[in-house]
C-alpha cells in the first residue's frame, strides 16, 4: 500500500510540474497576433450555434414524441 501511495505521489508531482510549467516566450521581433485578421472566429461560431439549435430541436421533438406514445 505504501508503494502505491508513493507512486501516486510521484505521478502527481511530475504531472503538476508539466501542467504548471510556463510556455516559452514568443520571439522578440514578432508582434502578438491579436488584430482581427489573425482571428477567424465569425464563421465557426455561426455553425456551432446552428448545430446546437438543431440538436436542441431534435431532442425536444423526440421528448414530445415519447410523451405522446406513453
PDB file of N, CA and C in Angstrom:
ATOM      1  N   UNK A   1       0.824  -1.187   0.000  1.00  0.00           N
ATOM      2  CA  UNK A   1       0.000   0.000   0.000  1.00  0.00           C
ATOM      3  C   UNK A   1       0.870   1.253   0.000  1.00  0.00           C
ATOM      4  N   UNK A   2       2.005   1.188   0.725  1.00  0.00           N
ATOM      5  CA  UNK A   2       2.893   2.330   0.784  1.00  0.00           C
ATOM      6  C   UNK A   2       3.533   2.581  -0.580  1.00  0.00           C
ATOM      7  N   UNK A   3       3.842   1.508  -1.316  1.00  0.00           N
ATOM      8  CA  UNK A   3       4.419   1.657  -2.651  1.00  0.00           C
ATOM      9  C   UNK A   3       3.426   2.346  -3.585  1.00  0.00           C
ATOM     10  N   UNK A   4       2.165   1.945  -3.516  1.00  0.00           N
ATOM     11  CA  UNK A   4       1.131   2.556  -4.346  1.00  0.00           C
ATOM     12  C   UNK A   4       0.973   4.035  -4.008  1.00  0.00           C
ATOM     13  N   UNK A   5       1.033   4.351  -2.740  1.00  0.00           N
ATOM     14  CA  UNK A   5       0.914   5.738  -2.296  1.00  0.00           C
ATOM     15  C   UNK A   5       2.093   6.564  -2.813  1.00  0.00           C
ATOM     16  N   UNK A   6       3.297   6.005  -2.749  1.00  0.00           N
ATOM     17  CA  UNK A   6       4.483   6.708  -3.235  1.00  0.00           C
ATOM     18  C   UNK A   6       4.443   6.900  -4.751  1.00  0.00           C
ATOM     19  N   UNK A   7       3.988   5.884  -5.478  1.00  0.00           N
ATOM     20  CA  UNK A   7       3.884   6.011  -6.929  1.00  0.00           C
ATOM     21  C   UNK A   7       2.866   7.078  -7.316  1.00  0.00           C
ATOM     22  N   UNK A   8       1.755   7.109  -6.604  1.00  0.00           N
ATOM     23  CA  UNK A   8       0.743   8.131  -6.870  1.00  0.00           C
ATOM     24  C   UNK A   8       1.305   9.520  -6.591  1.00  0.00           C
ATOM     25  N   UNK A   9       2.037   9.671  -5.512  1.00  0.00           N
ATOM     26  CA  UNK A   9       2.628  10.960  -5.165  1.00  0.00           C
ATOM     27  C   UNK A   9       3.646  11.383  -6.221  1.00  0.00           C
ATOM     28  N   UNK A  10       4.476  10.460  -6.675  1.00  0.00           N
ATOM     29  CA  UNK A  10       5.452  10.764  -7.713  1.00  0.00           C
ATOM     30  C   UNK A  10       4.762  11.172  -9.011  1.00  0.00           C
ATOM     31  N   UNK A  11       3.740  10.430  -9.399  1.00  0.00           N
ATOM     32  CA  UNK A  11       2.981  10.758 -10.605  1.00  0.00           C
ATOM     33  C   UNK A  11       2.340  12.130 -10.482  1.00  0.00           C
ATOM     34  N   UNK A  12       1.762  12.436  -9.342  1.00  0.00           N
ATOM     35  CA  UNK A  12       1.107  13.724  -9.121  1.00  0.00           C
ATOM     36  C   UNK A  12       2.111  14.865  -9.207  1.00  0.00           C
ATOM     37  N   UNK A  13       3.284  14.705  -8.614  1.00  0.00           N
ATOM     38  CA  UNK A  13       4.308  15.751  -8.647  1.00  0.00           C
ATOM     39  C   UNK A  13       4.793  15.973 -10.075  1.00  0.00           C
ATOM     40  N   UNK A  14       5.044  14.904 -10.818  1.00  0.00           N
ATOM     41  CA  UNK A  14       5.515  15.041 -12.199  1.00  0.00           C
ATOM     42  C   UNK A  14       4.439  15.660 -13.091  1.00  0.00           C
ATOM     43  N   UNK A  15       3.204  15.253 -12.912  1.00  0.00           N
ATOM     44  CA  UNK A  15       2.114  15.789 -13.707  1.00  0.00           C
ATOM     45  C   UNK A  15       1.898  17.271 -13.399  1.00  0.00           C
ATOM     46  N   UNK A  16       1.967  17.641 -12.137  1.00  0.00           N
ATOM     47  CA  UNK A  16       1.799  19.033 -11.754  1.00  0.00           C
ATOM     48  C   UNK A  16       2.917  19.884 -12.341  1.00  0.00           C
ATOM     49  N   UNK A  17       4.118  19.377 -12.352  1.00  0.00           N
ATOM     50  CA  UNK A  17       5.243  20.106 -12.917  1.00  0.00           C
ATOM     51  C   UNK A  17       5.042  20.358 -14.409  1.00  0.00           C
ATOM     52  N   UNK A  18       4.531  19.383 -15.127  1.00  0.00           N
ATOM     53  CA  UNK A  18       4.309  19.532 -16.564  1.00  0.00           C
ATOM     54  C   UNK A  18       3.179  20.517 -16.834  1.00  0.00           C
ATOM     55  N   UNK A  19       2.102  20.436 -16.070  1.00  0.00           N
ATOM     56  CA  UNK A  19       0.947  21.298 -16.298  1.00  0.00           C
ATOM     57  C   UNK A  19       1.255  22.750 -15.953  1.00  0.00           C
ATOM     58  N   UNK A  20       1.964  22.990 -14.884  1.00  0.00           N
ATOM     59  CA  UNK A  20       2.205  24.349 -14.430  1.00  0.00           C
ATOM     60  C   UNK A  20       3.425  25.007 -15.043  1.00  0.00           C
ATOM     61  N   UNK A  21       4.156  24.306 -15.882  1.00  0.00           N
ATOM     62  CA  UNK A  21       5.329  24.919 -16.495  1.00  0.00           C
ATOM     63  C   UNK A  21       4.884  25.977 -17.502  1.00  0.00           C
ATOM     64  N   UNK A  22       5.598  27.073 -17.570  1.00  0.00           N
ATOM     65  CA  UNK A  22       5.245  28.180 -18.444  1.00  0.00           C
ATOM     66  C   UNK A  22       5.720  27.904 -19.873  1.00  0.00           C
ATOM     67  N   UNK A  23       4.954  28.327 -20.869  1.00  0.00           N
ATOM     68  CA  UNK A  23       5.397  28.155 -22.248  1.00  0.00           C
ATOM     69  C   UNK A  23       6.527  29.126 -22.555  1.00  0.00           C
ATOM     70  N   UNK A  24       7.322  28.849 -23.569  1.00  0.00           N
ATOM     71  CA  UNK A  24       8.417  29.761 -23.899  1.00  0.00           C
ATOM     72  C   UNK A  24       7.866  31.092 -24.421  1.00  0.00           C
ATOM     73  N   UNK A  25       8.582  32.172 -24.213  1.00  0.00           N
ATOM     74  CA  UNK A  25       8.102  33.476 -24.703  1.00  0.00           C
ATOM     75  C   UNK A  25       8.165  33.531 -26.226  1.00  0.00           C
ATOM     76  N   UNK A  26       7.321  34.366 -26.845  1.00  0.00           N
ATOM     77  CA  UNK A  26       7.362  34.479 -28.308  1.00  0.00           C
ATOM     78  C   UNK A  26       8.653  35.156 -28.752  1.00  0.00           C
ATOM     79  N   UNK A  27       9.031  34.968 -29.989  1.00  0.00           N
ATOM     80  CA  UNK A  27      10.237  35.636 -30.487  1.00  0.00           C
ATOM     81  C   UNK A  27      10.109  37.153 -30.358  1.00  0.00           C
ATOM     82  N   UNK A  28      11.230  37.829 -30.178  1.00  0.00           N
ATOM     83  CA  UNK A  28      11.221  39.262 -29.903  1.00  0.00           C
ATOM     84  C   UNK A  28      10.704  40.089 -31.065  1.00  0.00           C
ATOM     85  N   UNK A  29      10.922  39.697 -32.292  1.00  0.00           N
ATOM     86  CA  UNK A  29      10.534  40.510 -33.437  1.00  0.00           C
ATOM     87  C   UNK A  29       9.085  40.366 -33.855  1.00  0.00           C
ATOM     88  N   UNK A  30       8.396  39.335 -33.398  1.00  0.00           N
ATOM     89  CA  UNK A  30       7.032  39.120 -33.877  1.00  0.00           C
ATOM     90  C   UNK A  30       6.009  39.762 -32.944  1.00  0.00           C
ATOM     91  N   UNK A  31       5.076  40.527 -33.503  1.00  0.00           N
ATOM     92  CA  UNK A  31       4.014  41.084 -32.665  1.00  0.00           C
ATOM     93  C   UNK A  31       2.993  39.991 -32.340  1.00  0.00           C
ATOM     94  N   UNK A  32       2.255  40.177 -31.290  1.00  0.00           N
ATOM     95  CA  UNK A  32       1.199  39.227 -30.963  1.00  0.00           C
ATOM     96  C   UNK A  32       0.149  39.234 -32.052  1.00  0.00           C
ATOM     97  N   UNK A  33      -0.451  38.125 -32.285  1.00  0.00           N
ATOM     98  CA  UNK A  33      -1.442  38.020 -33.364  1.00  0.00           C
ATOM     99  C   UNK A  33      -2.822  38.357 -32.830  1.00  0.00           C
ATOM    100  N   UNK A  34      -3.045  39.579 -32.420  1.00  0.00           N
ATOM    101  CA  UNK A  34      -4.328  39.970 -31.861  1.00  0.00           C
ATOM    102  C   UNK A  34      -5.202  40.729 -32.836  1.00  0.00           C
ATOM    103  N   UNK A  35      -4.712  41.388 -33.877  1.00  0.00           N
ATOM    104  CA  UNK A  35      -5.620  42.112 -34.779  1.00  0.00           C
ATOM    105  C   UNK A  35      -6.640  41.164 -35.404  1.00  0.00           C
ATOM    106  N   UNK A  36      -7.809  41.668 -35.774  1.00  0.00           N
ATOM    107  CA  UNK A  36      -8.872  40.824 -36.330  1.00  0.00           C
ATOM    108  C   UNK A  36      -8.495  39.930 -37.498  1.00  0.00           C
ATOM    109  N   UNK A  37      -7.591  40.299 -38.418  1.00  0.00           N
ATOM    110  CA  UNK A  37      -7.287  39.354 -39.498  1.00  0.00           C
ATOM    111  C   UNK A  37      -6.674  38.045 -39.005  1.00  0.00           C
ATOM    112  N   UNK A  38      -6.087  38.048 -37.834  1.00  0.00           N
ATOM    113  CA  UNK A  38      -5.442  36.829 -37.336  1.00  0.00           C
ATOM    114  C   UNK A  38      -6.414  35.883 -36.640  1.00  0.00           C
ATOM    115  N   UNK A  39      -7.623  36.336 -36.326  1.00  0.00           N
ATOM    116  CA  UNK A  39      -8.560  35.522 -35.546  1.00  0.00           C
ATOM    117  C   UNK A  39      -9.831  35.261 -36.362  1.00  0.00           C
ATOM    118  N   UNK A  40      -9.902  34.174 -37.128  1.00  0.00           N
ATOM    119  CA  UNK A  40     -11.106  33.881 -37.908  1.00  0.00           C
ATOM    120  C   UNK A  40     -12.137  33.139 -37.063  1.00  0.00           C
ATOM    121  N   UNK A  41     -12.932  33.871 -36.304  1.00  0.00           N
ATOM    122  CA  UNK A  41     -13.874  33.257 -35.381  1.00  0.00           C
ATOM    123  C   UNK A  41     -15.297  33.314 -35.915  1.00  0.00           C
ATOM    124  N   UNK A  42     -15.654  34.295 -36.698  1.00  0.00           N
ATOM    125  CA  UNK A  42     -17.037  34.556 -37.055  1.00  0.00           C
ATOM    126  C   UNK A  42     -17.729  33.414 -37.789  1.00  0.00           C
ATOM    127  N   UNK A  43     -17.074  32.708 -38.675  1.00  0.00           N
ATOM    128  CA  UNK A  43     -17.729  31.643 -39.424  1.00  0.00           C
ATOM    129  C   UNK A  43     -18.013  30.410 -38.592  1.00  0.00           C
ATOM    130  N   UNK A  44     -17.096  30.007 -37.762  1.00  0.00           N
ATOM    131  CA  UNK A  44     -17.251  28.783 -36.985  1.00  0.00           C
ATOM    132  C   UNK A  44     -18.301  28.892 -35.903  1.00  0.00           C
ATOM    133  N   UNK A  45     -18.425  30.060 -35.292  1.00  0.00           N
ATOM    134  CA  UNK A  45     -19.402  30.226 -34.215  1.00  0.00           C
ATOM    135  C   UNK A  45     -20.822  30.132 -34.759  1.00  0.00           C
ATOM    136  N   UNK A  46     -21.054  30.658 -35.950  1.00  0.00           N
ATOM    137  CA  UNK A  46     -22.386  30.554 -36.562  1.00  0.00           C
ATOM    138  C   UNK A  46     -22.792  29.104 -36.781  1.00  0.00           C
ATOM    139  N   UNK A  47     -21.868  28.297 -37.296  1.00  0.00           N
ATOM    140  CA  UNK A  47     -22.160  26.868 -37.499  1.00  0.00           C
ATOM    141  C   UNK A  47     -22.379  26.152 -36.168  1.00  0.00           C
ATOM    142  N   UNK A  48     -21.617  26.526 -35.156  1.00  0.00           N
ATOM    143  CA  UNK A  48     -21.768  25.909 -33.848  1.00  0.00           C
ATOM    144  C   UNK A  48     -23.132  26.227 -33.243  1.00  0.00           C
ATOM    145  N   UNK A  49     -23.578  27.468 -33.351  1.00  0.00           N
ATOM    146  CA  UNK A  49     -24.888  27.858 -32.832  1.00  0.00           C
ATOM    147  C   UNK A  49     -25.993  27.146 -33.602  1.00  0.00           C
ATOM    148  N   UNK A  50     -25.866  27.072 -34.924  1.00  0.00           N
ATOM    149  CA  UNK A  50     -26.883  26.397 -35.737  1.00  0.00           C
ATOM    150  C   UNK A  50     -26.955  24.907 -35.395  1.00  0.00           C
ATOM    151  N   UNK A  51     -25.817  24.268 -35.212  1.00  0.00           N
ATOM    152  CA  UNK A  51     -25.808  22.844 -34.865  1.00  0.00           C
ATOM    153  C   UNK A  51     -26.415  22.631 -33.479  1.00  0.00           C
ATOM    154  N   UNK A  52     -26.111  23.506 -32.538  1.00  0.00           N
ATOM    155  CA  UNK A  52     -26.694  23.389 -31.201  1.00  0.00           C
ATOM    156  C   UNK A  52     -28.198  23.579 -31.218  1.00  0.00           C
ATOM    157  N   UNK A  53     -28.687  24.534 -31.995  1.00  0.00           N
ATOM    158  CA  UNK A  53     -30.128  24.759 -32.101  1.00  0.00           C
ATOM    159  C   UNK A  53     -30.820  23.559 -32.741  1.00  0.00           C
ATOM    160  N   UNK A  54     -30.214  23.006 -33.798  1.00  0.00           N
ATOM    161  CA  UNK A  54     -30.816  21.836 -34.453  1.00  0.00           C
ATOM    162  C   UNK A  54     -30.850  20.642 -33.506  1.00  0.00           C
ATOM    163  N   UNK A  55     -29.786  20.449 -32.736  1.00  0.00           N
ATOM    164  CA  UNK A  55     -29.753  19.353 -31.773  1.00  0.00           C
ATOM    165  C   UNK A  55     -30.817  19.545 -30.694  1.00  0.00           C
ATOM    166  N   UNK A  56     -30.979  20.774 -30.222  1.00  0.00           N
ATOM    167  CA  UNK A  56     -31.997  21.057 -29.211  1.00  0.00           C
ATOM    168  C   UNK A  56     -33.401  20.802 -29.725  1.00  0.00           C
ATOM    169  N   UNK A  57     -33.671  21.208 -30.959  1.00  0.00           N
ATOM    170  CA  UNK A  57     -34.992  20.970 -31.556  1.00  0.00           C
ATOM    171  C   UNK A  57     -35.235  19.474 -31.703  1.00  0.00           C
ATOM    172  N   UNK A  58     -34.231  18.734 -32.118  1.00  0.00           N
ATOM    173  CA  UNK A  58     -34.381  17.285 -32.267  1.00  0.00           C
ATOM    174  C   UNK A  58     -34.675  16.617 -30.931  1.00  0.00           C
ATOM    175  N   UNK A  59     -33.941  17.016 -29.875  1.00  0.00           N
ATOM    176  CA  UNK A  59     -34.176  16.437 -28.551  1.00  0.00           C
ATOM    177  C   UNK A  59     -35.573  16.776 -28.050  1.00  0.00           C
ATOM    178  N   UNK A  60     -36.019  18.015 -28.271  1.00  0.00           N
ATOM    179  CA  UNK A  60     -37.359  18.416 -27.862  1.00  0.00           C
ATOM    180  C   UNK A  60     -38.413  17.625 -28.617  1.00  0.00           C
ATOM    181  N   UNK A  61     -38.213  17.446 -29.915  1.00  0.00           N
ATOM    182  CA  UNK A  61     -39.146  16.675 -30.723  1.00  0.00           C
ATOM    183  C   UNK A  61     -39.221  15.223 -30.244  1.00  0.00           C
ATOM    184  N   UNK A  62     -38.072  14.606 -29.980  1.00  0.00           N
ATOM    185  CA  UNK A  62     -38.049  13.215 -29.505  1.00  0.00           C
ATOM    186  C   UNK A  62     -38.720  13.097 -28.151  1.00  0.00           C
ATOM    187  N   UNK A  63     -38.505  14.052 -27.258  1.00  0.00           N
ATOM    188  CA  UNK A  63     -39.127  14.003 -25.936  1.00  0.00           C
ATOM    189  C   UNK A  63     -40.641  14.099 -26.046  1.00  0.00           C
ATOM    190  N   UNK A  64     -41.115  14.992 -26.897  1.00  0.00           N
ATOM    191  CA  UNK A  64     -42.576  15.137 -27.054  1.00  0.00           C
ATOM    192  C   UNK A  64     -43.196  13.907 -27.716  1.00  0.00           C
ATOM    193  N   UNK A  65     -42.487  13.299 -28.663  1.00  0.00           N
ATOM    194  CA  UNK A  65     -42.998  12.083 -29.281  1.00  0.00           C
ATOM    195  C   UNK A  65     -43.071  10.936 -28.276  1.00  0.00           C
ATOM    196  N   UNK A  66     -42.089  10.860 -27.391  1.00  0.00           N
ATOM    197  CA  UNK A  66     -42.062   9.810 -26.385  1.00  0.00           C
ATOM    198  C   UNK A  66     -43.200   9.986 -25.399  1.00  0.00           C
ATOM    199  N   UNK A  67     -43.527  11.238 -25.028  1.00  0.00           N
ATOM    200  CA  UNK A  67     -44.609  11.508 -24.086  1.00  0.00           C
ATOM    201  C   UNK A  67     -45.966  11.172 -24.698  1.00  0.00           C
ATOM    202  N   UNK A  68     -46.129  11.380 -25.998  1.00  0.00           N
ATOM    203  CA  UNK A  68     -47.408  11.087 -26.659  1.00  0.00           C
ATOM    204  C   UNK A  68     -47.667   9.597 -26.754  1.00  0.00           C
ATOM    205  N   UNK A  69     -46.642   8.783 -26.873  1.00  0.00           N
ATOM    206  CA  UNK A  69     -46.847   7.343 -27.014  1.00  0.00           C
ATOM    207  C   UNK A  69     -47.077   6.664 -25.667  1.00  0.00           C
ATOM    208  N   UNK A  70     -46.700   7.310 -24.594  1.00  0.00           N
ATOM    209  CA  UNK A  70     -46.865   6.683 -23.267  1.00  0.00           C
ATOM    210  C   UNK A  70     -48.252   6.846 -22.759  1.00  0.00           C
TER     211      UNK A  70
END
